[in-house]
């Protein structure tokens, strides 16, 4: 009653999946392409909510399926621990993806292909490089078991040319005047990591 054929329906307390069932049934009746986002925090989400939708789509007993489909996803561990520190259990790839996205609103670019050759390997930047976007190069100088420092030694590993450098590290030993002249923005881990 409240949706059109291309609506997106949100049910943040999905329970047994009644809303998803209704959306699939309505799509089957009128040929609509409604989408439905169901959220459930209880431990029965896979065994009850998702199972109901599987049966609605494919049919059950003497009842024909509605067709269509759905995806079932679970959230991983939180990026930030309750202490406010980064949760290292999420893994470095997830931390890097999150940080690049918070800075650029773009997905983290894939690393260059290994087949690029020895010449490219020699010119390669520090592994801390996340990527470049909008004239800026983004770096995540991070080690799970040690404090990292933005200093002249780290800057000597930077090979990418950019209009500005945004570098995340635990500490910075470079004076503010030097950072300004070198077009470097220092961001302290985890204090300056954006939280959604």
N, C-alpha and C. Protein backbone atom coordinates (compact mmCIF):
# COMPACT_ATOMS: atom_id res chain seq x y z
N UNK A 1 0.82 -1.18 0.00
CA UNK A 1 0.00 0.00 0.00
C UNK A 1 0.88 1.27 0.00
N UNK A 2 2.01 1.21 0.66
CA UNK A 2 2.83 2.41 0.79
C UNK A 2 4.05 2.39 -0.10
N UNK A 3 4.14 1.42 -1.01
CA UNK A 3 5.32 1.33 -1.87
C UNK A 3 4.93 1.37 -3.33
N UNK A 4 5.89 1.79 -4.14
CA UNK A 4 5.75 1.72 -5.59
C UNK A 4 6.58 0.56 -6.11
N UNK A 5 6.52 0.29 -7.39
CA UNK A 5 7.19 -0.88 -7.95
C UNK A 5 8.72 -0.86 -7.85
N UNK A 6 9.33 0.30 -7.56
CA UNK A 6 10.79 0.37 -7.45
C UNK A 6 11.24 0.85 -6.07
N UNK A 7 10.39 0.77 -5.09
CA UNK A 7 10.71 1.25 -3.73
C UNK A 7 11.77 0.38 -3.07
N UNK A 8 12.42 0.97 -2.09
CA UNK A 8 13.33 0.24 -1.21
C UNK A 8 12.70 0.27 0.17
N UNK A 9 12.49 -0.90 0.74
CA UNK A 9 11.83 -1.03 2.03
C UNK A 9 12.87 -1.39 3.08
N UNK A 10 12.86 -0.69 4.21
CA UNK A 10 13.79 -0.96 5.31
C UNK A 10 13.00 -1.49 6.50
N UNK A 11 13.44 -2.63 7.02
CA UNK A 11 12.87 -3.19 8.25
C UNK A 11 14.04 -3.44 9.19
N UNK A 12 14.23 -2.55 10.14
CA UNK A 12 15.40 -2.66 11.02
C UNK A 12 15.18 -3.62 12.18
N UNK A 13 14.00 -4.23 12.27
CA UNK A 13 13.72 -5.28 13.26
C UNK A 13 13.03 -6.41 12.51
N UNK A 14 13.80 -7.15 11.71
CA UNK A 14 13.24 -8.10 10.74
C UNK A 14 12.51 -9.28 11.37
N UNK A 15 12.88 -9.66 12.56
CA UNK A 15 12.19 -10.79 13.21
C UNK A 15 12.17 -12.02 12.34
N UNK A 16 10.97 -12.53 12.08
CA UNK A 16 10.84 -13.77 11.29
C UNK A 16 10.84 -13.52 9.79
N UNK A 17 10.95 -12.27 9.34
CA UNK A 17 11.05 -11.97 7.92
C UNK A 17 9.73 -11.66 7.24
N UNK A 18 8.71 -11.28 8.01
CA UNK A 18 7.39 -10.99 7.44
C UNK A 18 7.44 -9.88 6.39
N UNK A 19 8.20 -8.82 6.64
CA UNK A 19 8.28 -7.71 5.68
C UNK A 19 8.93 -8.18 4.38
N UNK A 20 10.02 -8.93 4.49
CA UNK A 20 10.67 -9.47 3.29
C UNK A 20 9.73 -10.37 2.51
N UNK A 21 8.98 -11.20 3.19
CA UNK A 21 8.01 -12.09 2.57
C UNK A 21 6.98 -11.27 1.80
N UNK A 22 6.46 -10.23 2.44
CA UNK A 22 5.44 -9.39 1.80
C UNK A 22 6.00 -8.69 0.55
N UNK A 23 7.21 -8.20 0.61
CA UNK A 23 7.82 -7.52 -0.54
C UNK A 23 8.00 -8.50 -1.69
N UNK A 24 8.51 -9.70 -1.42
CA UNK A 24 8.68 -10.71 -2.47
C UNK A 24 7.34 -11.09 -3.09
N UNK A 25 6.34 -11.24 -2.26
CA UNK A 25 4.99 -11.61 -2.75
C UNK A 25 4.40 -10.50 -3.62
N UNK A 26 4.54 -9.25 -3.18
CA UNK A 26 4.02 -8.12 -3.95
C UNK A 26 4.74 -7.99 -5.29
N UNK A 27 6.04 -8.19 -5.30
CA UNK A 27 6.80 -8.16 -6.55
C UNK A 27 6.29 -9.23 -7.52
N UNK A 28 6.03 -10.42 -6.99
CA UNK A 28 5.51 -11.52 -7.83
C UNK A 28 4.13 -11.17 -8.38
N UNK A 29 3.31 -10.48 -7.61
CA UNK A 29 1.95 -10.14 -8.04
C UNK A 29 1.92 -9.06 -9.11
N UNK A 30 2.71 -8.02 -8.94
CA UNK A 30 2.59 -6.89 -9.88
C UNK A 30 3.83 -6.67 -10.75
N UNK A 31 4.80 -7.60 -10.68
CA UNK A 31 6.00 -7.47 -11.51
C UNK A 31 6.94 -6.37 -11.06
N UNK A 32 6.77 -5.90 -9.82
CA UNK A 32 7.61 -4.84 -9.30
C UNK A 32 9.05 -5.28 -9.08
N UNK A 33 9.89 -4.30 -8.81
CA UNK A 33 11.31 -4.57 -8.54
C UNK A 33 11.70 -3.97 -7.19
N UNK A 34 10.79 -4.02 -6.25
CA UNK A 34 11.06 -3.49 -4.91
C UNK A 34 12.24 -4.24 -4.31
N UNK A 35 13.00 -3.52 -3.53
CA UNK A 35 14.10 -4.13 -2.78
C UNK A 35 13.79 -3.98 -1.31
N UNK A 36 14.33 -4.88 -0.53
CA UNK A 36 14.04 -4.87 0.90
C UNK A 36 15.34 -5.11 1.66
N UNK A 37 15.60 -4.27 2.62
CA UNK A 37 16.77 -4.41 3.48
C UNK A 37 16.26 -4.78 4.87
N UNK A 38 16.58 -5.99 5.30
CA UNK A 38 16.15 -6.49 6.60
C UNK A 38 17.36 -6.52 7.54
N UNK A 39 17.17 -6.05 8.74
CA UNK A 39 18.25 -6.06 9.73
C UNK A 39 17.75 -6.80 10.96
N UNK A 40 18.55 -7.75 11.43
CA UNK A 40 18.18 -8.49 12.63
C UNK A 40 19.43 -8.76 13.44
N UNK A 41 19.40 -8.41 14.72
CA UNK A 41 20.57 -8.57 15.59
C UNK A 41 20.54 -9.87 16.40
N UNK A 42 19.41 -10.53 16.43
CA UNK A 42 19.31 -11.76 17.23
C UNK A 42 19.99 -12.92 16.53
N UNK A 43 20.28 -13.98 17.29
CA UNK A 43 21.03 -15.10 16.73
C UNK A 43 20.20 -16.00 15.82
N UNK A 44 18.92 -15.72 15.65
CA UNK A 44 18.09 -16.54 14.77
C UNK A 44 18.00 -15.97 13.35
N UNK A 45 18.75 -14.93 13.05
CA UNK A 45 18.66 -14.28 11.74
C UNK A 45 18.88 -15.27 10.60
N UNK A 46 19.87 -16.16 10.73
CA UNK A 46 20.14 -17.10 9.63
C UNK A 46 19.17 -18.27 9.64
N UNK A 47 18.86 -18.79 10.81
CA UNK A 47 18.03 -20.01 10.87
C UNK A 47 16.54 -19.74 10.72
N UNK A 48 16.06 -18.56 11.03
CA UNK A 48 14.63 -18.28 10.90
C UNK A 48 14.38 -17.23 9.81
N UNK A 49 14.95 -16.03 9.95
CA UNK A 49 14.67 -14.95 9.01
C UNK A 49 15.11 -15.33 7.59
N UNK A 50 16.37 -15.68 7.43
CA UNK A 50 16.89 -16.00 6.10
C UNK A 50 16.26 -17.28 5.56
N UNK A 51 16.05 -18.25 6.43
CA UNK A 51 15.45 -19.51 5.97
C UNK A 51 14.04 -19.28 5.45
N UNK A 52 13.27 -18.44 6.09
CA UNK A 52 11.93 -18.13 5.60
C UNK A 52 12.00 -17.54 4.19
N UNK A 53 12.92 -16.61 3.98
CA UNK A 53 13.03 -15.99 2.67
C UNK A 53 13.49 -16.98 1.61
N UNK A 54 14.36 -17.90 1.97
CA UNK A 54 14.78 -18.95 1.02
C UNK A 54 13.56 -19.75 0.56
N UNK A 55 12.71 -20.09 1.51
CA UNK A 55 11.52 -20.89 1.18
C UNK A 55 10.50 -20.08 0.39
N UNK A 56 10.37 -18.81 0.70
CA UNK A 56 9.44 -17.97 -0.05
C UNK A 56 9.89 -17.87 -1.51
N UNK A 57 11.15 -17.66 -1.73
CA UNK A 57 11.69 -17.53 -3.09
C UNK A 57 11.56 -18.85 -3.85
N UNK A 58 11.95 -19.97 -3.21
CA UNK A 58 11.99 -21.26 -3.91
C UNK A 58 10.71 -22.08 -3.80
N UNK A 59 9.82 -21.73 -2.91
CA UNK A 59 8.60 -22.49 -2.69
C UNK A 59 8.77 -23.47 -1.54
N UNK A 60 7.66 -23.89 -0.99
CA UNK A 60 7.67 -24.84 0.12
C UNK A 60 6.34 -25.59 0.12
N UNK A 61 6.40 -26.88 0.42
CA UNK A 61 5.18 -27.69 0.41
C UNK A 61 4.46 -27.54 -0.91
N UNK A 62 3.17 -27.23 -0.87
CA UNK A 62 2.37 -27.05 -2.07
C UNK A 62 2.37 -25.59 -2.53
N UNK A 63 3.08 -24.72 -1.84
CA UNK A 63 3.09 -23.29 -2.16
C UNK A 63 4.23 -23.01 -3.15
N UNK A 64 3.87 -22.41 -4.29
CA UNK A 64 4.87 -22.06 -5.30
C UNK A 64 5.74 -20.91 -4.81
N UNK A 65 6.99 -20.90 -5.23
CA UNK A 65 7.90 -19.83 -4.86
C UNK A 65 7.57 -18.54 -5.59
N UNK A 66 7.98 -17.44 -5.02
CA UNK A 66 7.73 -16.13 -5.63
C UNK A 66 8.78 -15.80 -6.69
N UNK A 67 9.89 -16.51 -6.68
CA UNK A 67 11.01 -16.13 -7.52
C UNK A 67 11.75 -14.97 -6.87
N UNK A 68 12.64 -14.38 -7.61
CA UNK A 68 13.45 -13.32 -7.03
C UNK A 68 14.63 -13.91 -6.30
N UNK A 69 15.19 -13.16 -5.40
CA UNK A 69 16.33 -13.64 -4.65
C UNK A 69 16.68 -12.69 -3.53
N UNK A 70 17.69 -13.07 -2.77
CA UNK A 70 18.15 -12.22 -1.69
C UNK A 70 19.57 -12.62 -1.32
N UNK A 71 20.25 -11.72 -0.65
CA UNK A 71 21.59 -11.99 -0.13
C UNK A 71 21.54 -11.93 1.39
N UNK A 72 22.33 -12.77 2.02
CA UNK A 72 22.39 -12.80 3.48
C UNK A 72 23.81 -12.45 3.89
N UNK A 73 23.97 -11.44 4.73
CA UNK A 73 25.29 -10.97 5.14
C UNK A 73 25.33 -10.83 6.66
N UNK A 74 26.48 -11.07 7.22
CA UNK A 74 26.68 -10.83 8.65
C UNK A 74 27.78 -9.78 8.80
N UNK A 75 27.68 -9.01 9.85
CA UNK A 75 28.71 -8.00 10.13
C UNK A 75 29.91 -8.65 10.78
N UNK A 76 31.07 -8.14 10.46
CA UNK A 76 32.29 -8.61 11.08
C UNK A 76 32.52 -7.87 12.39
N UNK A 77 33.68 -8.04 12.97
CA UNK A 77 33.97 -7.35 14.23
C UNK A 77 34.02 -5.83 14.03
N UNK A 78 33.74 -5.11 15.09
CA UNK A 78 33.75 -3.64 15.04
C UNK A 78 35.16 -3.13 14.77
N UNK A 79 35.26 -2.05 14.01
CA UNK A 79 36.55 -1.47 13.68
C UNK A 79 37.24 -0.86 14.89
N UNK A 80 36.44 -0.34 15.82
CA UNK A 80 37.00 0.26 17.02
C UNK A 80 36.65 -0.60 18.23
N UNK A 81 37.63 -0.84 19.08
CA UNK A 81 37.39 -1.55 20.33
C UNK A 81 36.68 -0.61 21.30
N UNK A 82 36.10 -1.15 22.34
CA UNK A 82 35.39 -0.32 23.32
C UNK A 82 36.31 0.72 23.95
N UNK A 83 37.61 0.46 23.99
CA UNK A 83 38.57 1.41 24.55
C UNK A 83 38.78 2.62 23.64
N UNK A 84 38.29 2.54 22.40
CA UNK A 84 38.50 3.62 21.44
C UNK A 84 39.67 3.36 20.51
N UNK A 85 40.47 2.35 20.81
CA UNK A 85 41.60 1.99 19.96
C UNK A 85 41.11 1.23 18.74
N UNK A 86 41.94 1.16 17.70
CA UNK A 86 41.60 0.35 16.55
C UNK A 86 41.56 -1.12 16.96
N UNK A 87 40.60 -1.83 16.46
CA UNK A 87 40.47 -3.26 16.75
C UNK A 87 41.30 -4.03 15.73
N UNK A 88 42.46 -4.50 16.13
CA UNK A 88 43.37 -5.17 15.21
C UNK A 88 42.83 -6.51 14.72
N UNK A 89 41.78 -7.03 15.38
CA UNK A 89 41.18 -8.29 14.97
C UNK A 89 40.50 -8.18 13.60
N UNK A 90 40.16 -6.98 13.16
CA UNK A 90 39.52 -6.83 11.85
C UNK A 90 40.53 -7.05 10.72
N UNK A 91 41.81 -6.95 11.02
CA UNK A 91 42.85 -7.17 10.02
C UNK A 91 43.26 -5.89 9.31
N UNK A 92 44.50 -5.85 8.91
CA UNK A 92 45.06 -4.67 8.24
C UNK A 92 44.34 -4.33 6.93
N UNK A 93 43.98 -5.29 6.08
CA UNK A 93 43.27 -4.91 4.86
C UNK A 93 41.97 -4.14 5.13
N UNK A 94 41.19 -4.56 6.12
CA UNK A 94 39.94 -3.86 6.44
C UNK A 94 40.23 -2.47 7.00
N UNK A 95 41.25 -2.33 7.82
CA UNK A 95 41.62 -1.01 8.35
C UNK A 95 42.01 -0.07 7.21
N UNK A 96 42.79 -0.57 6.27
CA UNK A 96 43.24 0.24 5.14
C UNK A 96 42.04 0.66 4.27
N UNK A 97 41.14 -0.27 4.00
CA UNK A 97 39.96 0.04 3.19
C UNK A 97 39.10 1.11 3.87
N UNK A 98 38.89 0.95 5.16
CA UNK A 98 38.06 1.90 5.91
C UNK A 98 38.69 3.29 5.89
N UNK A 99 39.97 3.36 6.17
CA UNK A 99 40.64 4.65 6.24
C UNK A 99 40.61 5.37 4.89
N UNK A 100 40.89 4.66 3.83
CA UNK A 100 40.88 5.29 2.50
C UNK A 100 39.47 5.78 2.17
N UNK A 101 38.47 4.99 2.51
CA UNK A 101 37.10 5.41 2.22
C UNK A 101 36.71 6.64 3.03
N UNK A 102 37.10 6.71 4.30
CA UNK A 102 36.74 7.88 5.11
C UNK A 102 37.38 9.14 4.56
N UNK A 103 38.54 9.01 3.96
CA UNK A 103 39.23 10.18 3.40
C UNK A 103 38.70 10.59 2.03
N UNK A 104 38.37 9.61 1.18
CA UNK A 104 38.09 9.91 -0.22
C UNK A 104 36.66 9.61 -0.66
N UNK A 105 35.93 8.84 0.14
CA UNK A 105 34.60 8.33 -0.24
C UNK A 105 34.68 7.47 -1.50
N UNK A 106 35.83 6.84 -1.69
CA UNK A 106 36.08 5.94 -2.82
C UNK A 106 36.59 4.62 -2.28
N UNK A 107 36.36 3.51 -3.01
CA UNK A 107 36.95 2.24 -2.57
C UNK A 107 38.46 2.27 -2.73
N UNK A 108 39.13 1.52 -1.88
CA UNK A 108 40.59 1.42 -1.94
C UNK A 108 41.00 0.79 -3.26
N UNK A 109 41.90 1.43 -4.03
CA UNK A 109 42.32 0.85 -5.30
C UNK A 109 43.09 -0.45 -5.09
N UNK A 110 42.99 -1.34 -6.06
CA UNK A 110 43.73 -2.60 -6.01
C UNK A 110 45.22 -2.30 -6.09
N UNK A 111 46.06 -3.12 -5.42
CA UNK A 111 47.51 -2.90 -5.51
C UNK A 111 47.99 -3.17 -6.94
N UNK A 112 49.10 -2.55 -7.34
CA UNK A 112 49.60 -2.79 -8.70
C UNK A 112 49.94 -4.26 -8.89
N UNK A 113 49.79 -4.73 -10.10
CA UNK A 113 50.04 -6.14 -10.42
C UNK A 113 51.50 -6.49 -10.16
N UNK A 114 51.73 -7.69 -9.66
CA UNK A 114 53.08 -8.15 -9.35
C UNK A 114 53.91 -8.30 -10.61
N UNK A 115 53.24 -8.51 -11.76
CA UNK A 115 53.96 -8.73 -13.01
C UNK A 115 54.55 -7.44 -13.58
N UNK A 116 54.36 -6.33 -12.90
CA UNK A 116 54.78 -5.04 -13.44
C UNK A 116 56.29 -4.98 -13.69
N UNK A 117 57.07 -5.86 -13.08
CA UNK A 117 58.49 -5.92 -13.37
C UNK A 117 59.36 -5.28 -12.31
N UNK A 118 60.66 -5.52 -12.43
CA UNK A 118 61.63 -5.04 -11.44
C UNK A 118 61.70 -3.53 -11.42
N UNK A 119 61.52 -2.88 -12.60
CA UNK A 119 61.59 -1.43 -12.65
C UNK A 119 60.49 -0.80 -11.80
N UNK A 120 59.28 -1.35 -11.91
CA UNK A 120 58.17 -0.83 -11.11
C UNK A 120 58.39 -1.12 -9.64
N UNK A 121 58.95 -2.29 -9.33
CA UNK A 121 59.21 -2.64 -7.93
C UNK A 121 60.22 -1.68 -7.32
N UNK A 122 61.22 -1.27 -8.10
CA UNK A 122 62.23 -0.35 -7.59
C UNK A 122 61.63 1.02 -7.31
N UNK A 123 60.65 1.41 -8.13
CA UNK A 123 60.03 2.72 -7.96
C UNK A 123 58.85 2.68 -6.99
N UNK A 124 58.54 1.49 -6.50
CA UNK A 124 57.36 1.35 -5.64
C UNK A 124 57.49 2.19 -4.38
N UNK A 125 56.35 2.68 -3.95
CA UNK A 125 56.30 3.48 -2.74
C UNK A 125 56.31 2.57 -1.52
N UNK A 126 56.33 3.18 -0.35
CA UNK A 126 56.25 2.44 0.90
C UNK A 126 54.94 1.65 0.97
N UNK A 127 54.93 0.50 1.62
CA UNK A 127 53.67 -0.26 1.75
C UNK A 127 52.59 0.51 2.50
N UNK A 128 52.96 1.59 3.16
CA UNK A 128 51.98 2.40 3.89
C UNK A 128 51.07 3.18 2.95
N UNK A 129 51.46 3.31 1.68
CA UNK A 129 50.63 4.06 0.72
C UNK A 129 49.30 3.36 0.54
N UNK A 130 48.22 4.11 0.78
CA UNK A 130 46.88 3.59 0.52
C UNK A 130 46.52 3.83 -0.94
N UNK A 131 46.73 5.05 -1.41
CA UNK A 131 46.40 5.41 -2.78
C UNK A 131 46.36 6.92 -2.92
N UNK A 132 46.02 7.37 -4.11
CA UNK A 132 45.95 8.80 -4.40
C UNK A 132 44.56 9.15 -4.89
N UNK A 133 44.12 10.33 -4.50
CA UNK A 133 42.81 10.80 -4.93
C UNK A 133 42.76 12.31 -4.81
N UNK A 134 42.29 12.97 -5.85
CA UNK A 134 42.12 14.42 -5.81
C UNK A 134 43.40 15.18 -5.54
N UNK A 135 44.53 14.69 -6.04
CA UNK A 135 45.80 15.39 -5.84
C UNK A 135 46.50 15.07 -4.54
N UNK A 136 45.89 14.25 -3.70
CA UNK A 136 46.51 13.90 -2.41
C UNK A 136 46.92 12.43 -2.40
N UNK A 137 48.00 12.14 -1.72
CA UNK A 137 48.45 10.76 -1.49
C UNK A 137 48.18 10.44 -0.03
N UNK A 138 47.59 9.28 0.22
CA UNK A 138 47.19 8.88 1.58
C UNK A 138 48.04 7.71 2.06
N UNK A 139 48.54 7.87 3.29
CA UNK A 139 49.42 6.86 3.88
C UNK A 139 48.89 6.43 5.25
N UNK A 140 49.00 5.14 5.52
CA UNK A 140 48.63 4.59 6.82
C UNK A 140 49.86 3.89 7.37
N UNK A 141 50.66 4.63 8.13
CA UNK A 141 51.91 4.12 8.71
C UNK A 141 51.55 3.46 10.03
N UNK A 142 51.35 2.15 9.98
CA UNK A 142 50.76 1.43 11.11
C UNK A 142 51.43 0.08 11.28
N UNK A 143 51.66 -0.28 12.53
CA UNK A 143 52.18 -1.60 12.88
C UNK A 143 51.39 -2.09 14.09
N UNK A 144 50.80 -3.28 14.01
CA UNK A 144 49.96 -3.75 15.12
C UNK A 144 50.70 -3.84 16.47
N UNK A 145 51.99 -4.16 16.43
CA UNK A 145 52.70 -4.43 17.68
C UNK A 145 53.67 -3.33 18.10
N UNK A 146 53.65 -2.21 17.41
CA UNK A 146 54.61 -1.15 17.74
C UNK A 146 54.03 0.21 17.39
N UNK A 147 54.54 1.24 18.04
CA UNK A 147 54.13 2.60 17.71
C UNK A 147 54.88 3.05 16.47
N UNK A 148 54.19 3.74 15.59
CA UNK A 148 54.83 4.24 14.37
C UNK A 148 55.03 5.75 14.49
N UNK A 149 56.04 6.24 13.79
CA UNK A 149 56.39 7.65 13.90
C UNK A 149 56.56 8.26 12.52
N UNK A 150 55.95 9.41 12.33
CA UNK A 150 56.19 10.20 11.12
C UNK A 150 57.42 11.05 11.39
N UNK A 151 58.49 10.69 10.70
CA UNK A 151 59.76 11.40 10.87
C UNK A 151 60.46 11.44 9.51
N UNK A 152 61.68 11.96 9.48
CA UNK A 152 62.41 12.06 8.21
C UNK A 152 62.70 10.68 7.62
N UNK A 153 62.95 9.69 8.48
CA UNK A 153 63.20 8.33 7.98
C UNK A 153 62.00 7.81 7.21
N UNK A 154 60.79 8.00 7.77
CA UNK A 154 59.60 7.54 7.06
C UNK A 154 59.40 8.33 5.77
N UNK A 155 59.55 9.65 5.82
CA UNK A 155 59.36 10.46 4.62
C UNK A 155 60.32 10.07 3.50
N UNK A 156 61.50 9.55 3.85
CA UNK A 156 62.46 9.14 2.82
C UNK A 156 61.97 7.92 2.04
N UNK A 157 60.96 7.22 2.54
CA UNK A 157 60.41 6.05 1.83
C UNK A 157 59.27 6.44 0.89
N UNK A 158 58.79 7.67 0.97
CA UNK A 158 57.68 8.13 0.13
C UNK A 158 58.20 8.43 -1.27
N UNK A 159 57.61 7.79 -2.28
CA UNK A 159 58.04 7.96 -3.66
C UNK A 159 56.99 8.64 -4.54
N UNK A 160 55.77 8.63 -4.13
CA UNK A 160 54.68 9.17 -4.94
C UNK A 160 54.70 10.69 -4.91
N UNK A 161 54.54 11.30 -6.07
CA UNK A 161 54.45 12.75 -6.18
C UNK A 161 52.98 13.15 -6.03
N UNK A 162 52.72 14.12 -5.17
CA UNK A 162 51.35 14.58 -4.96
C UNK A 162 51.36 16.04 -4.53
N UNK A 163 50.19 16.67 -4.63
CA UNK A 163 50.05 18.05 -4.19
C UNK A 163 50.02 18.14 -2.67
N UNK A 164 49.54 17.07 -2.04
CA UNK A 164 49.45 17.02 -0.58
C UNK A 164 49.62 15.58 -0.14
N UNK A 165 50.12 15.42 1.09
CA UNK A 165 50.33 14.09 1.66
C UNK A 165 49.57 14.02 2.98
N UNK A 166 48.69 13.05 3.11
CA UNK A 166 47.97 12.82 4.36
C UNK A 166 48.53 11.54 4.94
N UNK A 167 49.15 11.67 6.12
CA UNK A 167 49.86 10.53 6.70
C UNK A 167 49.35 10.25 8.10
N UNK A 168 48.86 9.04 8.30
CA UNK A 168 48.43 8.57 9.61
C UNK A 168 49.58 7.83 10.26
N UNK A 169 49.86 8.15 11.51
CA UNK A 169 50.87 7.46 12.30
C UNK A 169 50.53 7.66 13.78
N UNK A 170 51.23 6.95 14.64
CA UNK A 170 50.98 7.09 16.08
C UNK A 170 51.57 8.39 16.62
N UNK A 171 52.72 8.79 16.09
CA UNK A 171 53.43 9.98 16.58
C UNK A 171 54.01 10.75 15.41
N UNK A 172 54.33 12.01 15.68
CA UNK A 172 55.00 12.84 14.67
C UNK A 172 56.15 13.59 15.35
N UNK A 173 57.34 13.46 14.77
CA UNK A 173 58.51 14.16 15.30
C UNK A 173 58.92 15.35 14.44
N UNK A 174 58.11 15.70 13.46
CA UNK A 174 58.45 16.79 12.55
C UNK A 174 57.76 18.08 12.99
N UNK A 175 58.45 19.21 12.92
CA UNK A 175 57.85 20.48 13.34
C UNK A 175 56.72 20.91 12.39
N UNK A 176 55.80 21.67 12.92
CA UNK A 176 54.62 22.11 12.15
C UNK A 176 55.03 22.91 10.91
N UNK A 177 56.05 23.75 11.01
CA UNK A 177 56.50 24.54 9.86
C UNK A 177 56.99 23.63 8.73
N UNK A 178 57.74 22.60 9.10
CA UNK A 178 58.23 21.66 8.09
C UNK A 178 57.06 20.95 7.41
N UNK A 179 56.08 20.50 8.20
CA UNK A 179 54.92 19.80 7.65
C UNK A 179 54.18 20.69 6.65
N UNK A 180 54.01 21.97 6.99
CA UNK A 180 53.33 22.91 6.10
C UNK A 180 54.09 23.07 4.78
N UNK A 181 55.41 23.27 4.89
CA UNK A 181 56.22 23.46 3.69
C UNK A 181 56.23 22.21 2.81
N UNK A 182 56.22 21.04 3.42
CA UNK A 182 56.26 19.78 2.67
C UNK A 182 54.86 19.34 2.23
N UNK A 183 53.82 20.13 2.58
CA UNK A 183 52.42 19.82 2.25
C UNK A 183 51.99 18.48 2.84
N UNK A 184 52.37 18.26 4.09
CA UNK A 184 52.04 17.02 4.80
C UNK A 184 51.02 17.33 5.89
N UNK A 185 49.95 16.55 5.91
CA UNK A 185 48.96 16.63 6.98
C UNK A 185 49.14 15.38 7.83
N UNK A 186 49.51 15.58 9.09
CA UNK A 186 49.68 14.45 10.02
C UNK A 186 48.35 14.19 10.72
N UNK A 187 47.97 12.90 10.79
CA UNK A 187 46.78 12.51 11.52
C UNK A 187 47.17 11.40 12.49
N UNK A 188 46.84 11.63 13.74
CA UNK A 188 47.23 10.70 14.81
C UNK A 188 46.27 9.51 14.87
N UNK A 189 46.85 8.32 14.95
CA UNK A 189 46.09 7.08 15.12
C UNK A 189 45.87 6.87 16.61
N UNK A 190 44.70 6.54 17.12
CA UNK A 190 43.41 6.46 16.43
C UNK A 190 42.61 7.76 16.54
N UNK A 191 43.14 8.76 17.22
CA UNK A 191 42.36 9.98 17.51
C UNK A 191 41.76 10.61 16.26
N UNK A 192 42.51 10.69 15.18
CA UNK A 192 42.05 11.40 13.99
C UNK A 192 41.39 10.50 12.94
N UNK A 193 41.14 9.24 13.29
CA UNK A 193 40.43 8.35 12.36
C UNK A 193 38.94 8.66 12.47
N UNK A 194 38.32 9.01 11.36
CA UNK A 194 36.89 9.34 11.34
C UNK A 194 36.06 8.14 11.73
N UNK A 195 35.05 8.38 12.55
CA UNK A 195 34.14 7.31 12.94
C UNK A 195 32.76 7.59 12.41
N UNK A 196 32.17 6.62 11.77
CA UNK A 196 30.80 6.76 11.28
C UNK A 196 29.83 6.30 12.32
